[in-house]
Amino acid sequence: MTINPKEYKVALLAGGTSGEREISIKSGEGARGALETAGFDTTWIDPANKEDLKRLIDEHFDVAFLCTHGKGGEDGTLQGMLELLGIPYTCPGVQASAIAMDKAKSKILYEHAGIPTSPSMTLYKPDGYDVEEVKETIGVPCVVKAATEGSSIGVEIVQTEDQLEPALKAVFEIDDLVVVEKFIFGPEYTCVALGNDDAYALPVIQIVPLKGATYDFESKYAAGGSEHICPAPLDDEMTKLVQSYAIKAHKALGCRGVSRSDFIIDADRKPWILETNTIPGMTATSLLPDAAKAAGISFPDLCVKLIEYALE
């Protein structure tokens, strides 16, 4: 479908109460500029403010544009409220958002879809855990991840056996559900899938952290924290393979509108999926606008597309 932006009133949701609040606000600021450039009448709504949320009930909005990262905004909670209010919204729906936010559950769907994902085990804090069992099952080096956080919050890379128990304790302070994965060594890439039933992939981006060996929170969001090489320096065969996996992940999780899947390609030229983001960042250093630009899609036009997908 094709829309006239001047005919639509947009509720721009950004902020919220998660550990990613400040990044969400930056995403919102980036999206607001693009939406207004495109011609949309845009109203800022912060889900952390009950009076703002009440505006979604009391006022008319044609569509909600989501820039809410982390728990309470990216995990299906906010999407459920919008469903009840009958307001179409950008990015995936309730179920897809909840599953993608849960690294343990999303790995199961990746495996069913034939997308390689690192061998792992899931630990639940109330059940307790055996460090020796983790060493025997996964081994070292490994990665300990908070299962329901994003933006590299609660991620510990374990290089030696003595680092494992402190890493588990640290991550369990953040989340009751923890995924321990075998460490896959190699450069990191990301690929965006755009669309609903007919989703297609944007150019692959290689992510090069400049402030450390890993693509952590600072590398993602600090100015100069990382370099994005787009299109990534991959041959056609590998590019198409990564893009096909990004589309498969989009469909396996039940995503609509947009998703962005992260990968590592190992020394044997095998891509391994890390996770799928259902509300990719919209900041000045974010990957989605970079990929769109490489595909010839301006930031304002990208926002128009996301709203068109929401209204389909």
C-alpha atoms as a PDB file:
ATOM      1  CA  MET A   1       0.000   0.000   0.000  1.00  0.00           C
ATOM      2  CA  THR A   2       1.028   3.633  -0.500  1.00  0.00           C
ATOM      3  CA  ILE A   3       0.072   6.317   1.990  1.00  0.00           C
ATOM      4  CA  ASN A   4       0.094  10.101   2.181  1.00  0.00           C
ATOM      5  CA  PRO A   5       1.952  10.962   5.414  1.00  0.00           C
ATOM      6  CA  LYS A   6       0.046  14.214   5.825  1.00  0.00           C
ATOM      7  CA  GLU A   7      -3.143  12.210   6.406  1.00  0.00           C
ATOM      8  CA  TYR A   8      -1.806  10.219   9.369  1.00  0.00           C
ATOM      9  CA  LYS A   9      -1.380  11.094  13.034  1.00  0.00           C
ATOM     10  CA  VAL A  10       1.485   9.135  14.573  1.00  0.00           C
ATOM     11  CA  ALA A  11       2.080   8.304  18.233  1.00  0.00           C
ATOM     12  CA  LEU A  12       5.859   8.003  18.594  1.00  0.00           C
ATOM     13  CA  LEU A  13       6.552   5.746  21.585  1.00  0.00           C
ATOM     14  CA  ALA A  14      10.000   6.097  23.143  1.00  0.00           C
ATOM     15  CA  GLY A  15      11.531   6.046  26.591  1.00  0.00           C
ATOM     16  CA  GLY A  16       9.914   3.495  28.888  1.00  0.00           C
ATOM     17  CA  THR A  17      11.298   1.954  32.045  1.00  0.00           C
ATOM     18  CA  SER A  18      13.837  -0.618  30.836  1.00  0.00           C
ATOM     19  CA  GLY A  19      17.604  -0.473  31.191  1.00  0.00           C
ATOM     20  CA  GLU A  20      17.645   0.757  27.608  1.00  0.00           C
ATOM     21  CA  ARG A  21      15.564   3.877  28.307  1.00  0.00           C
ATOM     22  CA  GLU A  22      18.213   6.401  27.263  1.00  0.00           C
ATOM     23  CA  ILE A  23      18.884   4.550  24.009  1.00  0.00           C
ATOM     24  CA  SER A  24      15.143   4.392  23.367  1.00  0.00           C
ATOM     25  CA  ILE A  25      14.925   8.169  23.755  1.00  0.00           C
ATOM     26  CA  LYS A  26      17.778   8.624  21.283  1.00  0.00           C
ATOM     27  CA  SER A  27      16.029   6.276  18.847  1.00  0.00           C
ATOM     28  CA  GLY A  28      12.856   8.299  19.287  1.00  0.00           C
ATOM     29  CA  GLU A  29      14.653  11.553  18.593  1.00  0.00           C
ATOM     30  CA  GLY A  30      16.131  10.105  15.411  1.00  0.00           C
ATOM     31  CA  ALA A  31      12.798   8.699  14.247  1.00  0.00           C
ATOM     32  CA  ARG A  32      10.908  11.903  15.085  1.00  0.00           C
ATOM     33  CA  GLY A  33      13.131  13.945  12.805  1.00  0.00           C
ATOM     34  CA  ALA A  34      12.660  11.448   9.966  1.00  0.00           C
ATOM     35  CA  LEU A  35       8.883  11.168  10.508  1.00  0.00           C
ATOM     36  CA  GLU A  36       8.437  14.939  10.518  1.00  0.00           C
ATOM     37  CA  THR A  37      10.604  15.284   7.426  1.00  0.00           C
ATOM     38  CA  ALA A  38       8.322  12.747   5.730  1.00  0.00           C
ATOM     39  CA  GLY A  39       5.310  14.888   6.661  1.00  0.00           C
ATOM     40  CA  PHE A  40       3.698  12.958   9.550  1.00  0.00           C
ATOM     41  CA  ASP A  41       1.916  14.712  12.422  1.00  0.00           C
ATOM     42  CA  THR A  42       3.898  13.176  15.298  1.00  0.00           C
ATOM     43  CA  THR A  43       3.176  13.100  19.047  1.00  0.00           C
ATOM     44  CA  TRP A  44       5.797  11.880  21.539  1.00  0.00           C
ATOM     45  CA  ILE A  45       4.496   9.278  24.019  1.00  0.00           C
ATOM     46  CA  ASP A  46       6.716   8.028  26.865  1.00  0.00           C
ATOM     47  CA  PRO A  47       5.377   4.702  28.257  1.00  0.00           C
ATOM     48  CA  ALA A  48       7.027   5.517  31.598  1.00  0.00           C
ATOM     49  CA  ASN A  49       4.479   8.319  32.006  1.00  0.00           C
ATOM     50  CA  LYS A  50       0.935   7.153  32.795  1.00  0.00           C
ATOM     51  CA  GLU A  51      -0.538  10.439  31.554  1.00  0.00           C
ATOM     52  CA  ASP A  52       1.219   9.864  28.219  1.00  0.00           C
ATOM     53  CA  LEU A  53      -0.220   6.356  28.026  1.00  0.00           C
ATOM     54  CA  LYS A  54      -3.678   7.745  28.769  1.00  0.00           C
ATOM     55  CA  ARG A  55      -3.366   9.898  25.648  1.00  0.00           C
ATOM     56  CA  LEU A  56      -3.397   6.695  23.606  1.00  0.00           C
ATOM     57  CA  ILE A  57      -6.890   6.095  24.980  1.00  0.00           C
ATOM     58  CA  ASP A  58      -8.217   9.652  24.952  1.00  0.00           C
ATOM     59  CA  GLU A  59      -6.825  10.886  21.631  1.00  0.00           C
ATOM     60  CA  HIS A  60      -7.023   9.522  18.097  1.00  0.00           C
ATOM     61  CA  PHE A  61      -3.874   8.083  16.543  1.00  0.00           C
ATOM     62  CA  ASP A  62      -3.758   6.323  13.193  1.00  0.00           C
ATOM     63  CA  VAL A  63      -0.616   4.368  13.994  1.00  0.00           C
ATOM     64  CA  ALA A  64       2.021   3.945  16.709  1.00  0.00           C
ATOM     65  CA  PHE A  65       5.715   4.118  15.781  1.00  0.00           C
ATOM     66  CA  LEU A  66       7.712   2.066  18.279  1.00  0.00           C
ATOM     67  CA  CYS A  67      11.203   3.030  19.457  1.00  0.00           C
ATOM     68  CA  THR A  68      10.880   1.258  22.806  1.00  0.00           C
ATOM     69  CA  HIS A  69      13.849  -1.009  23.502  1.00  0.00           C
ATOM     70  CA  GLY A  70      14.114  -3.669  26.193  1.00  0.00           C
ATOM     71  CA  LYS A  71      11.657  -5.065  28.710  1.00  0.00           C
ATOM     72  CA  GLY A  72       8.195  -3.545  28.717  1.00  0.00           C
ATOM     73  CA  GLY A  73       8.615  -2.128  25.241  1.00  0.00           C
ATOM     74  CA  GLU A  74      10.140  -4.771  23.003  1.00  0.00           C
ATOM     75  CA  ASP A  75       8.845  -7.932  24.671  1.00  0.00           C
ATOM     76  CA  GLY A  76       5.198  -7.833  23.581  1.00  0.00           C
ATOM     77  CA  THR A  77       3.862  -5.997  26.648  1.00  0.00           C
ATOM     78  CA  LEU A  78       3.320  -2.645  24.949  1.00  0.00           C
ATOM     79  CA  GLN A  79       2.238  -4.373  21.751  1.00  0.00           C
ATOM     80  CA  GLY A  80      -0.536  -6.099  23.706  1.00  0.00           C
ATOM     81  CA  MET A  81      -1.829  -2.772  24.980  1.00  0.00           C
ATOM     82  CA  LEU A  82      -1.890  -1.334  21.464  1.00  0.00           C
ATOM     83  CA  GLU A  83      -3.758  -4.423  20.266  1.00  0.00           C
ATOM     84  CA  LEU A  84      -6.422  -3.846  22.927  1.00  0.00           C
ATOM     85  CA  LEU A  85      -6.717  -0.190  21.911  1.00  0.00           C
ATOM     86  CA  GLY A  86      -6.953  -1.081  18.226  1.00  0.00           C
ATOM     87  CA  ILE A  87      -3.956   1.047  17.241  1.00  0.00           C
ATOM     88  CA  PRO A  88      -1.789  -0.402  14.449  1.00  0.00           C
ATOM     89  CA  TYR A  89       1.922  -0.304  15.303  1.00  0.00           C
ATOM     90  CA  THR A  90       5.286  -0.709  13.622  1.00  0.00           C
ATOM     91  CA  CYS A  91       7.513  -3.739  14.179  1.00  0.00           C
ATOM     92  CA  PRO A  92       6.461  -7.314  15.080  1.00  0.00           C
ATOM     93  CA  GLY A  93       3.412  -8.327  17.098  1.00  0.00           C
ATOM     94  CA  VAL A  94       2.890  -9.627  20.617  1.00  0.00           C
ATOM     95  CA  GLN A  95       3.980 -13.242  20.178  1.00  0.00           C
ATOM     96  CA  ALA A  96       6.924 -12.585  17.862  1.00  0.00           C
ATOM     97  CA  SER A  97       8.183  -9.810  20.143  1.00  0.00           C
ATOM     98  CA  ALA A  98       7.951 -12.000  23.242  1.00  0.00           C
ATOM     99  CA  ILE A  99       9.714 -14.959  21.626  1.00  0.00           C
ATOM    100  CA  ALA A 100      12.490 -12.899  20.024  1.00  0.00           C
ATOM    101  CA  MET A 101      13.165 -11.241  23.385  1.00  0.00           C
ATOM    102  CA  ASP A 102      13.646 -14.679  24.946  1.00  0.00           C
ATOM    103  CA  LYS A 103      16.978 -16.005  23.675  1.00  0.00           C
ATOM    104  CA  ALA A 104      16.246 -19.518  24.952  1.00  0.00           C
ATOM    105  CA  LYS A 105      12.954 -19.853  23.083  1.00  0.00           C
ATOM    106  CA  SER A 106      14.131 -18.137  19.914  1.00  0.00           C
ATOM    107  CA  LYS A 107      17.049 -20.593  19.623  1.00  0.00           C
ATOM    108  CA  ILE A 108      14.535 -23.460  19.483  1.00  0.00           C
ATOM    109  CA  LEU A 109      12.744 -21.843  16.543  1.00  0.00           C
ATOM    110  CA  TYR A 110      16.036 -21.097  14.780  1.00  0.00           C
ATOM    111  CA  GLU A 111      16.937 -24.780  14.986  1.00  0.00           C
ATOM    112  CA  HIS A 112      13.549 -25.836  13.595  1.00  0.00           C
ATOM    113  CA  ALA A 113      14.028 -23.384  10.708  1.00  0.00           C
ATOM    114  CA  GLY A 114      17.462 -24.806   9.876  1.00  0.00           C
ATOM    115  CA  ILE A 115      19.417 -21.731  10.961  1.00  0.00           C
ATOM    116  CA  PRO A 116      22.699 -22.662  12.691  1.00  0.00           C
ATOM    117  CA  THR A 117      22.794 -21.479  16.303  1.00  0.00           C
ATOM    118  CA  SER A 118      25.544 -22.103  18.817  1.00  0.00           C
ATOM    119  CA  PRO A 119      25.190 -25.147  21.138  1.00  0.00           C
ATOM    120  CA  SER A 120      23.784 -23.948  24.448  1.00  0.00           C
ATOM    121  CA  MET A 121      22.078 -24.751  27.719  1.00  0.00           C
ATOM    122  CA  THR A 122      19.448 -22.742  29.592  1.00  0.00           C
ATOM    123  CA  LEU A 123      19.622 -22.183  33.342  1.00  0.00           C
ATOM    124  CA  TYR A 124      16.737 -21.009  35.554  1.00  0.00           C
ATOM    125  CA  LYS A 125      17.827 -19.339  38.784  1.00  0.00           C
ATOM    126  CA  PRO A 126      15.215 -20.928  41.123  1.00  0.00           C
ATOM    127  CA  ASP A 127      16.317 -24.381  39.938  1.00  0.00           C
ATOM    128  CA  GLY A 128      19.942 -23.738  40.829  1.00  0.00           C
ATOM    129  CA  TYR A 129      22.863 -24.689  38.612  1.00  0.00           C
ATOM    130  CA  ASP A 130      25.998 -26.816  38.625  1.00  0.00           C
ATOM    131  CA  VAL A 131      29.104 -25.018  37.380  1.00  0.00           C
ATOM    132  CA  GLU A 132      30.852 -28.318  36.654  1.00  0.00           C
ATOM    133  CA  GLU A 133      27.903 -29.466  34.533  1.00  0.00           C
ATOM    134  CA  VAL A 134      28.102 -26.254  32.531  1.00  0.00           C
ATOM    135  CA  LYS A 135      31.818 -26.819  31.961  1.00  0.00           C
ATOM    136  CA  GLU A 136      31.202 -30.386  30.787  1.00  0.00           C
ATOM    137  CA  THR A 137      28.191 -29.555  28.595  1.00  0.00           C
ATOM    138  CA  ILE A 138      29.303 -26.310  26.931  1.00  0.00           C
ATOM    139  CA  GLY A 139      32.945 -25.910  27.828  1.00  0.00           C
ATOM    140  CA  VAL A 140      35.149 -22.835  27.800  1.00  0.00           C
ATOM    141  CA  PRO A 141      35.343 -20.376  26.111  1.00  0.00           C
ATOM    142  CA  CYS A 142      31.636 -19.659  26.298  1.00  0.00           C
ATOM    143  CA  VAL A 143      29.201 -16.760  26.480  1.00  0.00           C
ATOM    144  CA  VAL A 144      26.814 -16.236  29.402  1.00  0.00           C
ATOM    145  CA  LYS A 145      23.747 -14.211  28.430  1.00  0.00           C
ATOM    146  CA  ALA A 146      20.740 -12.798  30.217  1.00  0.00           C
ATOM    147  CA  ALA A 147      17.971 -14.519  28.263  1.00  0.00           C
ATOM    148  CA  THR A 148      15.496 -11.632  28.220  1.00  0.00           C
ATOM    149  CA  GLU A 149      17.648  -8.519  27.901  1.00  0.00           C
ATOM    150  CA  GLY A 150      18.875  -6.671  24.815  1.00  0.00           C
ATOM    151  CA  SER A 151      21.666  -4.308  23.743  1.00  0.00           C
ATOM    152  CA  SER A 152      24.343  -6.627  25.163  1.00  0.00           C
ATOM    153  CA  ILE A 153      23.060  -6.016  28.707  1.00  0.00           C
ATOM    154  CA  GLY A 154      23.973  -9.010  30.856  1.00  0.00           C
ATOM    155  CA  VAL A 155      26.488 -10.604  28.486  1.00  0.00           C
ATOM    156  CA  GLU A 156      29.711 -12.089  29.869  1.00  0.00           C
ATOM    157  CA  ILE A 157      32.407 -13.708  27.722  1.00  0.00           C
ATOM    158  CA  VAL A 158      34.166 -16.448  29.657  1.00  0.00           C
ATOM    159  CA  GLN A 159      37.700 -17.241  28.496  1.00  0.00           C
ATOM    160  CA  THR A 160      38.900 -19.453  31.355  1.00  0.00           C
ATOM    161  CA  GLU A 161      37.172 -21.930  33.681  1.00  0.00           C
ATOM    162  CA  ASP A 162      37.740 -19.774  36.767  1.00  0.00           C
ATOM    163  CA  GLN A 163      35.750 -16.956  35.130  1.00  0.00           C
ATOM    164  CA  LEU A 164      32.616 -19.069  34.684  1.00  0.00           C
ATOM    165  CA  GLU A 165      31.120 -19.002  38.182  1.00  0.00           C
ATOM    166  CA  PRO A 166      31.584 -15.212  38.647  1.00  0.00           C
ATOM    167  CA  ALA A 167      30.049 -14.654  35.198  1.00  0.00           C
ATOM    168  CA  LEU A 168      27.006 -16.777  36.054  1.00  0.00           C
ATOM    169  CA  LYS A 169      26.520 -14.938  39.342  1.00  0.00           C
ATOM    170  CA  ALA A 170      26.801 -11.559  37.616  1.00  0.00           C
ATOM    171  CA  VAL A 171      24.262 -12.396  34.919  1.00  0.00           C
ATOM    172  CA  PHE A 172      21.840 -13.989  37.385  1.00  0.00           C
ATOM    173  CA  GLU A 173      21.780 -10.608  39.145  1.00  0.00           C
ATOM    174  CA  ILE A 174      20.200  -9.233  35.962  1.00  0.00           C
ATOM    175  CA  ASP A 175      17.911 -12.053  34.828  1.00  0.00           C
ATOM    176  CA  ASP A 176      16.465 -15.242  36.326  1.00  0.00           C
ATOM    177  CA  LEU A 177      16.835 -16.998  32.969  1.00  0.00           C
ATOM    178  CA  VAL A 178      20.337 -17.397  31.557  1.00  0.00           C
ATOM    179  CA  VAL A 179      21.625 -18.916  28.325  1.00  0.00           C
ATOM    180  CA  VAL A 180      25.174 -20.304  28.204  1.00  0.00           C
ATOM    181  CA  GLU A 181      26.467 -20.728  24.641  1.00  0.00           C
ATOM    182  CA  LYS A 182      29.604 -22.159  23.134  1.00  0.00           C
ATOM    183  CA  PHE A 183      31.777 -19.251  22.033  1.00  0.00           C
ATOM    184  CA  ILE A 184      31.965 -18.869  18.248  1.00  0.00           C
ATOM    185  CA  PHE A 185      34.996 -16.932  17.082  1.00  0.00           C
ATOM    186  CA  GLY A 186      34.749 -14.709  14.028  1.00  0.00           C
ATOM    187  CA  PRO A 187      33.640 -11.304  12.724  1.00  0.00           C
ATOM    188  CA  GLU A 188      30.092 -10.159  13.458  1.00  0.00           C
ATOM    189  CA  TYR A 189      27.488  -9.246  10.862  1.00  0.00           C
ATOM    190  CA  THR A 190      23.893  -8.119  10.901  1.00  0.00           C
ATOM    191  CA  CYS A 191      21.106  -8.251   8.358  1.00  0.00           C
ATOM    192  CA  VAL A 192      17.709  -6.528   8.289  1.00  0.00           C
ATOM    193  CA  ALA A 193      14.551  -8.169   6.978  1.00  0.00           C
ATOM    194  CA  LEU A 194      11.873  -5.710   5.835  1.00  0.00           C
ATOM    195  CA  GLY A 195       8.246  -6.494   5.095  1.00  0.00           C
ATOM    196  CA  ASN A 196       5.403  -8.759   6.125  1.00  0.00           C
ATOM    197  CA  ASP A 197       4.614 -11.966   4.218  1.00  0.00           C
ATOM    198  CA  ASP A 198       6.905 -10.889   1.375  1.00  0.00           C
ATOM    199  CA  ALA A 199       9.863  -9.837   3.527  1.00  0.00           C
ATOM    200  CA  TYR A 200      13.169  -9.126   1.788  1.00  0.00           C
ATOM    201  CA  ALA A 201      16.684  -8.540   3.097  1.00  0.00           C
ATOM    202  CA  LEU A 202      18.665  -5.319   3.079  1.00  0.00           C
ATOM    203  CA  PRO A 203      22.445  -5.313   2.472  1.00  0.00           C
ATOM    204  CA  VAL A 204      24.495  -7.163   5.101  1.00  0.00           C
ATOM    205  CA  ILE A 205      26.560  -5.026   7.473  1.00  0.00           C
ATOM    206  CA  GLN A 206      29.851  -6.040   9.049  1.00  0.00           C
ATOM    207  CA  ILE A 207      30.251  -4.665  12.582  1.00  0.00           C
ATOM    208  CA  VAL A 208      33.790  -3.768  13.625  1.00  0.00           C
ATOM    209  CA  PRO A 209      34.086  -2.797  17.335  1.00  0.00           C
ATOM    210  CA  LEU A 210      36.683  -0.056  17.733  1.00  0.00           C
ATOM    211  CA  LYS A 211      36.831   0.190  21.533  1.00  0.00           C
ATOM    212  CA  GLY A 212      37.195  -3.473  22.407  1.00  0.00           C
ATOM    213  CA  ALA A 213      37.197  -7.003  21.079  1.00  0.00           C
ATOM    214  CA  THR A 214      33.419  -7.432  21.322  1.00  0.00           C
ATOM    215  CA  TYR A 215      30.354  -5.521  20.185  1.00  0.00           C
ATOM    216  CA  ASP A 216      29.212  -4.520  23.666  1.00  0.00           C
ATOM    217  CA  PHE A 217      26.864  -1.761  24.900  1.00  0.00           C
ATOM    218  CA  GLU A 218      29.483   0.979  24.488  1.00  0.00           C
ATOM    219  CA  SER A 219      30.473  -0.209  21.013  1.00  0.00           C
ATOM    220  CA  LYS A 220      26.808  -0.122  19.962  1.00  0.00           C
ATOM    221  CA  TYR A 221      25.924   3.327  21.210  1.00  0.00           C
ATOM    222  CA  ALA A 222      28.988   5.468  21.898  1.00  0.00           C
ATOM    223  CA  ALA A 223      30.118   7.810  19.152  1.00  0.00           C
ATOM    224  CA  GLY A 224      33.018   6.071  17.409  1.00  0.00           C
ATOM    225  CA  GLY A 225      32.326   2.850  19.292  1.00  0.00           C
ATOM    226  CA  SER A 226      32.132   0.743  16.157  1.00  0.00           C
ATOM    227  CA  GLU A 227      32.458   0.894  12.397  1.00  0.00           C
ATOM    228  CA  HIS A 228      29.679  -0.351  10.125  1.00  0.00           C
ATOM    229  CA  ILE A 229      30.884  -1.656   6.773  1.00  0.00           C
ATOM    230  CA  CYS A 230      27.933  -1.778   4.411  1.00  0.00           C
ATOM    231  CA  PRO A 231      27.669  -3.634   2.168  1.00  0.00           C
ATOM    232  CA  ALA A 232      29.796  -6.120   4.108  1.00  0.00           C
ATOM    233  CA  PRO A 233      32.946  -7.409   2.351  1.00  0.00           C
ATOM    234  CA  LEU A 234      31.445 -10.850   1.636  1.00  0.00           C
ATOM    235  CA  ASP A 235      31.234 -12.733  -1.639  1.00  0.00           C
ATOM    236  CA  ASP A 236      27.829 -13.125  -3.306  1.00  0.00           C
ATOM    237  CA  GLU A 237      27.341 -16.667  -2.047  1.00  0.00           C
ATOM    238  CA  MET A 238      27.908 -15.746   1.601  1.00  0.00           C
ATOM    239  CA  THR A 239      25.889 -12.554   1.308  1.00  0.00           C
ATOM    240  CA  LYS A 240      22.893 -14.456  -0.042  1.00  0.00           C
ATOM    241  CA  LEU A 241      23.243 -17.122   2.653  1.00  0.00           C
ATOM    242  CA  VAL A 242      23.239 -14.581   5.502  1.00  0.00           C
ATOM    243  CA  GLN A 243      20.307 -12.732   3.907  1.00  0.00           C
ATOM    244  CA  SER A 244      18.373 -15.983   3.543  1.00  0.00           C
ATOM    245  CA  TYR A 245      18.939 -16.785   7.226  1.00  0.00           C
ATOM    246  CA  ALA A 246      17.749 -13.294   8.223  1.00  0.00           C
ATOM    247  CA  ILE A 247      14.523 -13.824   6.277  1.00  0.00           C
ATOM    248  CA  LYS A 248      14.118 -17.324   7.723  1.00  0.00           C
ATOM    249  CA  ALA A 249      14.528 -15.936  11.245  1.00  0.00           C
ATOM    250  CA  HIS A 250      12.003 -13.181  10.495  1.00  0.00           C
ATOM    251  CA  LYS A 251       9.456 -15.779   9.391  1.00  0.00           C
ATOM    252  CA  ALA A 252      10.294 -18.426  12.017  1.00  0.00           C
ATOM    253  CA  LEU A 253       9.658 -15.960  14.838  1.00  0.00           C
ATOM    254  CA  GLY A 254       6.503 -14.667  13.156  1.00  0.00           C
ATOM    255  CA  CYS A 255       7.851 -11.152  12.630  1.00  0.00           C
ATOM    256  CA  ARG A 256       6.145  -8.458  10.587  1.00  0.00           C
ATOM    257  CA  GLY A 257       7.415  -5.095   9.413  1.00  0.00           C
ATOM    258  CA  VAL A 258      11.060  -5.301  10.381  1.00  0.00           C
ATOM    259  CA  SER A 259      13.592  -7.424  12.229  1.00  0.00           C
ATOM    260  CA  ARG A 260      17.374  -7.422  12.407  1.00  0.00           C
ATOM    261  CA  SER A 261      19.320 -10.626  12.995  1.00  0.00           C
ATOM    262  CA  ASP A 262      22.933 -10.765  14.157  1.00  0.00           C
ATOM    263  CA  PHE A 263      25.443 -13.383  13.040  1.00  0.00           C
ATOM    264  CA  ILE A 264      29.025 -14.525  13.474  1.00  0.00           C
ATOM    265  CA  ILE A 265      30.790 -16.194  10.540  1.00  0.00           C
ATOM    266  CA  ASP A 266      33.420 -18.661  11.712  1.00  0.00           C
ATOM    267  CA  ALA A 267      36.705 -19.714  10.099  1.00  0.00           C
ATOM    268  CA  ASP A 268      34.901 -22.482   8.176  1.00  0.00           C
ATOM    269  CA  ARG A 269      32.625 -19.904   6.504  1.00  0.00           C
ATOM    270  CA  LYS A 270      29.596 -20.968   8.526  1.00  0.00           C
ATOM    271  CA  PRO A 271      27.204 -18.243   9.722  1.00  0.00           C
ATOM    272  CA  TRP A 272      25.800 -18.676  13.234  1.00  0.00           C
ATOM    273  CA  ILE A 273      22.790 -16.648  14.325  1.00  0.00           C
ATOM    274  CA  LEU A 274      23.122 -14.819  17.653  1.00  0.00           C
ATOM    275  CA  GLU A 275      19.745 -13.153  18.122  1.00  0.00           C
ATOM    276  CA  THR A 276      16.956 -11.243  16.386  1.00  0.00           C
ATOM    277  CA  ASN A 277      15.982  -7.699  17.299  1.00  0.00           C
ATOM    278  CA  THR A 278      12.340  -6.747  16.741  1.00  0.00           C
ATOM    279  CA  ILE A 279      12.715  -3.009  17.357  1.00  0.00           C
ATOM    280  CA  PRO A 280      16.084  -2.118  15.820  1.00  0.00           C
ATOM    281  CA  GLY A 281      17.678   1.127  16.949  1.00  0.00           C
ATOM    282  CA  MET A 282      16.985   4.378  15.138  1.00  0.00           C
ATOM    283  CA  THR A 283      19.857   6.451  16.551  1.00  0.00           C
ATOM    284  CA  ALA A 284      22.526   8.237  14.561  1.00  0.00           C
ATOM    285  CA  THR A 285      24.819   5.202  15.023  1.00  0.00           C
ATOM    286  CA  SER A 286      22.170   2.519  14.427  1.00  0.00           C
ATOM    287  CA  LEU A 287      22.397  -0.320  11.943  1.00  0.00           C
ATOM    288  CA  LEU A 288      18.898  -0.248  10.415  1.00  0.00           C
ATOM    289  CA  PRO A 289      19.163   3.276   8.937  1.00  0.00           C
ATOM    290  CA  ASP A 290      22.668   2.411   7.673  1.00  0.00           C
ATOM    291  CA  ALA A 291      21.422  -0.713   5.885  1.00  0.00           C
ATOM    292  CA  ALA A 292      18.467   1.159   4.416  1.00  0.00           C
ATOM    293  CA  LYS A 293      20.762   3.903   3.141  1.00  0.00           C
ATOM    294  CA  ALA A 294      22.960   1.310   1.421  1.00  0.00           C
ATOM    295  CA  ALA A 295      19.807  -0.005  -0.292  1.00  0.00           C
ATOM    296  CA  GLY A 296      18.925   3.481  -1.518  1.00  0.00           C
ATOM    297  CA  ILE A 297      16.223   4.088   1.107  1.00  0.00           C
ATOM    298  CA  SER A 298      16.430   7.416   2.969  1.00  0.00           C
ATOM    299  CA  PHE A 299      15.654   7.617   6.682  1.00  0.00           C
ATOM    300  CA  PRO A 300      12.281   9.377   6.095  1.00  0.00           C
ATOM    301  CA  ASP A 301      11.351   6.850   3.384  1.00  0.00           C
ATOM    302  CA  LEU A 302      12.280   4.004   5.742  1.00  0.00           C
ATOM    303  CA  CYS A 303       9.862   5.380   8.351  1.00  0.00           C
ATOM    304  CA  VAL A 304       7.128   5.629   5.715  1.00  0.00           C
ATOM    305  CA  LYS A 305       7.727   1.977   4.764  1.00  0.00           C
ATOM    306  CA  LEU A 306       7.517   0.833   8.386  1.00  0.00           C
ATOM    307  CA  ILE A 307       4.198   2.605   8.815  1.00  0.00           C
ATOM    308  CA  GLU A 308       2.881   1.167   5.554  1.00  0.00           C
ATOM    309  CA  TYR A 309       3.758  -2.327   6.778  1.00  0.00           C
ATOM    310  CA  ALA A 310       1.978  -1.586  10.073  1.00  0.00           C
ATOM    311  CA  LEU A 311      -1.172  -0.564   8.236  1.00  0.00           C
ATOM    312  CA  GLU A 312      -1.277  -3.494   5.802  1.00  0.00           C
END
